[in-house]
């Protein structure tokens, strides 16, 4: 169970790094006029992409805590 706890912590860290990259890339793209995507959105729209990542990170953290408590 302890190994599963470490696994879910690692997944949460990777998800947070990927989230930062995705949001930063889309934020830059939106501010540059959407040259790559072909449309223009408000800059706040890039941060909506973080919602699924935050949910995934929260689930991983909860599972890590549950597995940590079961290992004791």
N, C-alpha and C. Protein backbone atom coordinates (compact mmCIF):
# COMPACT_ATOMS: atom_id res chain seq x y z
N UNK A 1 0.81 -1.20 0.00
CA UNK A 1 0.00 0.00 0.00
C UNK A 1 0.86 1.27 0.00
N UNK A 2 2.02 1.18 0.64
CA UNK A 2 2.87 2.35 0.70
C UNK A 2 3.40 2.72 -0.68
N UNK A 3 3.67 1.70 -1.51
CA UNK A 3 4.14 1.96 -2.87
C UNK A 3 3.06 2.64 -3.70
N UNK A 4 1.81 2.23 -3.49
CA UNK A 4 0.71 2.89 -4.20
C UNK A 4 0.58 4.35 -3.77
N UNK A 5 0.82 4.61 -2.52
CA UNK A 5 0.79 5.98 -2.03
C UNK A 5 1.84 6.83 -2.74
N UNK A 6 3.05 6.30 -2.84
CA UNK A 6 4.12 7.02 -3.53
C UNK A 6 3.80 7.20 -5.02
N UNK A 7 3.18 6.18 -5.61
CA UNK A 7 2.82 6.27 -7.02
C UNK A 7 1.84 7.40 -7.26
N UNK A 8 0.81 7.51 -6.43
CA UNK A 8 -0.19 8.55 -6.63
C UNK A 8 0.37 9.94 -6.31
N UNK A 9 1.32 10.03 -5.41
CA UNK A 9 1.98 11.31 -5.17
C UNK A 9 2.77 11.72 -6.41
N UNK A 10 3.47 10.77 -7.00
CA UNK A 10 4.25 11.05 -8.21
C UNK A 10 3.34 11.46 -9.36
N UNK A 11 2.21 10.78 -9.50
CA UNK A 11 1.26 11.14 -10.56
C UNK A 11 0.72 12.55 -10.34
N UNK A 12 0.44 12.92 -9.09
CA UNK A 12 -0.05 14.26 -8.79
C UNK A 12 0.99 15.32 -9.16
N UNK A 13 2.24 15.04 -8.88
CA UNK A 13 3.31 15.99 -9.22
C UNK A 13 3.43 16.14 -10.73
N UNK A 14 3.40 15.03 -11.45
CA UNK A 14 3.49 15.08 -12.90
C UNK A 14 2.28 15.83 -13.48
N UNK A 15 1.09 15.56 -12.96
CA UNK A 15 -0.10 16.27 -13.43
C UNK A 15 0.01 17.77 -13.19
N UNK A 16 0.56 18.18 -12.06
CA UNK A 16 0.69 19.61 -11.80
C UNK A 16 1.67 20.26 -12.77
N UNK A 17 2.75 19.55 -13.11
CA UNK A 17 3.71 20.09 -14.08
C UNK A 17 3.10 20.19 -15.47
N UNK A 18 2.37 19.16 -15.88
CA UNK A 18 1.72 19.18 -17.18
C UNK A 18 0.66 20.28 -17.23
N UNK A 19 -0.08 20.46 -16.13
CA UNK A 19 -1.09 21.51 -16.07
C UNK A 19 -0.46 22.88 -16.28
N UNK A 20 0.66 23.14 -15.62
CA UNK A 20 1.33 24.43 -15.78
C UNK A 20 1.76 24.65 -17.23
N UNK A 21 2.27 23.61 -17.86
CA UNK A 21 2.70 23.73 -19.24
C UNK A 21 1.54 23.98 -20.19
N UNK A 22 0.46 23.25 -20.03
CA UNK A 22 -0.70 23.40 -20.91
C UNK A 22 -1.32 24.79 -20.75
N UNK A 23 -1.51 25.23 -19.53
CA UNK A 23 -2.12 26.54 -19.29
C UNK A 23 -1.21 27.66 -19.80
N UNK A 24 0.08 27.55 -19.55
CA UNK A 24 1.01 28.59 -20.01
C UNK A 24 1.05 28.66 -21.53
N UNK A 25 1.07 27.50 -22.20
CA UNK A 25 1.10 27.49 -23.65
C UNK A 25 -0.16 28.13 -24.23
N UNK A 26 -1.30 27.74 -23.71
CA UNK A 26 -2.56 28.29 -24.23
C UNK A 26 -2.74 29.75 -23.85
N UNK A 27 -2.26 30.16 -22.69
CA UNK A 27 -2.34 31.56 -22.29
C UNK A 27 -1.51 32.42 -23.24
N UNK A 28 -0.30 31.94 -23.58
CA UNK A 28 0.55 32.67 -24.51
C UNK A 28 -0.09 32.73 -25.89
N UNK A 29 -0.67 31.61 -26.30
CA UNK A 29 -1.28 31.56 -27.62
C UNK A 29 -2.47 32.51 -27.71
N UNK A 30 -3.26 32.59 -26.65
CA UNK A 30 -4.43 33.47 -26.66
C UNK A 30 -3.99 34.93 -26.65
N UNK A 31 -2.95 35.25 -25.88
CA UNK A 31 -2.47 36.63 -25.83
C UNK A 31 -1.85 37.06 -27.14
N UNK A 32 -1.30 36.14 -27.89
CA UNK A 32 -0.68 36.46 -29.19
C UNK A 32 -1.71 36.51 -30.31
N UNK A 33 -2.95 36.51 -30.00
CA UNK A 33 -3.99 36.61 -31.00
C UNK A 33 -4.45 35.28 -31.57
N UNK A 34 -4.07 34.21 -30.95
CA UNK A 34 -4.51 32.89 -31.43
C UNK A 34 -3.93 32.54 -32.78
N UNK A 35 -2.68 32.88 -33.00
CA UNK A 35 -2.07 32.62 -34.30
C UNK A 35 -2.08 31.13 -34.63
N UNK A 36 -1.88 30.28 -33.64
CA UNK A 36 -1.82 28.86 -33.90
C UNK A 36 -3.20 28.21 -33.93
N UNK A 37 -4.10 28.71 -33.13
CA UNK A 37 -5.40 28.08 -33.02
C UNK A 37 -6.45 28.67 -33.95
N UNK A 38 -6.22 29.88 -34.41
CA UNK A 38 -7.14 30.49 -35.35
C UNK A 38 -8.34 31.18 -34.73
N UNK A 39 -8.34 31.43 -33.45
CA UNK A 39 -9.44 32.14 -32.83
C UNK A 39 -8.92 33.01 -31.70
N UNK A 40 -9.76 33.90 -31.24
CA UNK A 40 -9.37 34.81 -30.16
C UNK A 40 -10.31 34.61 -28.98
N UNK A 41 -9.74 34.40 -27.82
CA UNK A 41 -10.51 34.21 -26.59
C UNK A 41 -9.96 35.14 -25.52
N UNK A 42 -10.76 35.41 -24.49
CA UNK A 42 -10.18 36.15 -23.36
C UNK A 42 -9.11 35.30 -22.68
N UNK A 43 -8.14 35.96 -22.08
CA UNK A 43 -7.03 35.25 -21.45
C UNK A 43 -7.49 34.33 -20.33
N UNK A 44 -8.58 34.67 -19.68
CA UNK A 44 -9.08 33.84 -18.58
C UNK A 44 -9.51 32.46 -19.07
N UNK A 45 -9.79 32.33 -20.36
CA UNK A 45 -10.24 31.05 -20.90
C UNK A 45 -9.14 30.00 -20.80
N UNK A 46 -7.89 30.41 -20.85
CA UNK A 46 -6.79 29.46 -20.74
C UNK A 46 -6.80 28.79 -19.37
N UNK A 47 -7.22 29.51 -18.36
CA UNK A 47 -7.22 28.95 -17.01
C UNK A 47 -8.34 27.93 -16.80
N UNK A 48 -9.34 27.93 -17.67
CA UNK A 48 -10.39 26.91 -17.58
C UNK A 48 -9.83 25.54 -17.89
N UNK A 49 -8.74 25.49 -18.63
CA UNK A 49 -8.11 24.21 -18.95
C UNK A 49 -7.50 23.56 -17.71
N UNK A 50 -7.31 24.32 -16.66
CA UNK A 50 -6.71 23.78 -15.44
C UNK A 50 -7.71 22.97 -14.62
N UNK A 51 -8.99 23.15 -14.85
CA UNK A 51 -10.01 22.50 -14.02
C UNK A 51 -9.89 20.96 -14.03
N UNK A 52 -9.79 20.30 -15.20
CA UNK A 52 -9.66 18.84 -15.16
C UNK A 52 -8.37 18.38 -14.48
N UNK A 53 -7.29 19.15 -14.65
CA UNK A 53 -6.03 18.80 -14.00
C UNK A 53 -6.15 18.91 -12.48
N UNK A 54 -6.81 19.96 -12.01
CA UNK A 54 -6.98 20.15 -10.56
C UNK A 54 -7.81 19.01 -9.97
N UNK A 55 -8.84 18.59 -10.70
CA UNK A 55 -9.65 17.47 -10.23
C UNK A 55 -8.81 16.20 -10.17
N UNK A 56 -8.02 15.95 -11.19
CA UNK A 56 -7.15 14.77 -11.20
C UNK A 56 -6.12 14.80 -10.08
N UNK A 57 -5.54 15.97 -9.84
CA UNK A 57 -4.56 16.11 -8.75
C UNK A 57 -5.22 15.85 -7.41
N UNK A 58 -6.42 16.38 -7.22
CA UNK A 58 -7.13 16.17 -5.95
C UNK A 58 -7.44 14.69 -5.73
N UNK A 59 -7.86 14.00 -6.78
CA UNK A 59 -8.16 12.58 -6.66
C UNK A 59 -6.89 11.80 -6.31
N UNK A 60 -5.78 12.14 -6.95
CA UNK A 60 -4.51 11.46 -6.65
C UNK A 60 -4.07 11.69 -5.21
N UNK A 61 -4.23 12.90 -4.73
CA UNK A 61 -3.82 13.21 -3.36
C UNK A 61 -4.71 12.45 -2.37
N UNK A 62 -6.00 12.42 -2.62
CA UNK A 62 -6.91 11.69 -1.73
C UNK A 62 -6.57 10.21 -1.71
N UNK A 63 -6.32 9.63 -2.89
CA UNK A 63 -5.96 8.22 -2.95
C UNK A 63 -4.63 7.96 -2.25
N UNK A 64 -3.67 8.87 -2.39
CA UNK A 64 -2.38 8.71 -1.72
C UNK A 64 -2.56 8.71 -0.21
N UNK A 65 -3.41 9.59 0.30
CA UNK A 65 -3.66 9.65 1.74
C UNK A 65 -4.36 8.38 2.22
N UNK A 66 -5.33 7.90 1.46
CA UNK A 66 -6.06 6.68 1.83
C UNK A 66 -5.10 5.49 1.87
N UNK A 67 -4.27 5.34 0.84
CA UNK A 67 -3.34 4.22 0.80
C UNK A 67 -2.28 4.34 1.89
N UNK A 68 -1.90 5.57 2.22
CA UNK A 68 -0.90 5.76 3.29
C UNK A 68 -1.48 5.32 4.63
N UNK A 69 -2.75 5.70 4.88
CA UNK A 69 -3.38 5.31 6.15
C UNK A 69 -3.60 3.80 6.24
N UNK A 70 -3.92 3.17 5.10
CA UNK A 70 -4.14 1.72 5.11
C UNK A 70 -2.83 0.95 5.32
N UNK A 71 -1.72 1.55 4.97
CA UNK A 71 -0.44 0.86 5.14
C UNK A 71 0.03 0.86 6.59
N UNK A 72 -0.52 1.75 7.39
CA UNK A 72 -0.09 1.84 8.80
C UNK A 72 -0.83 0.90 9.68
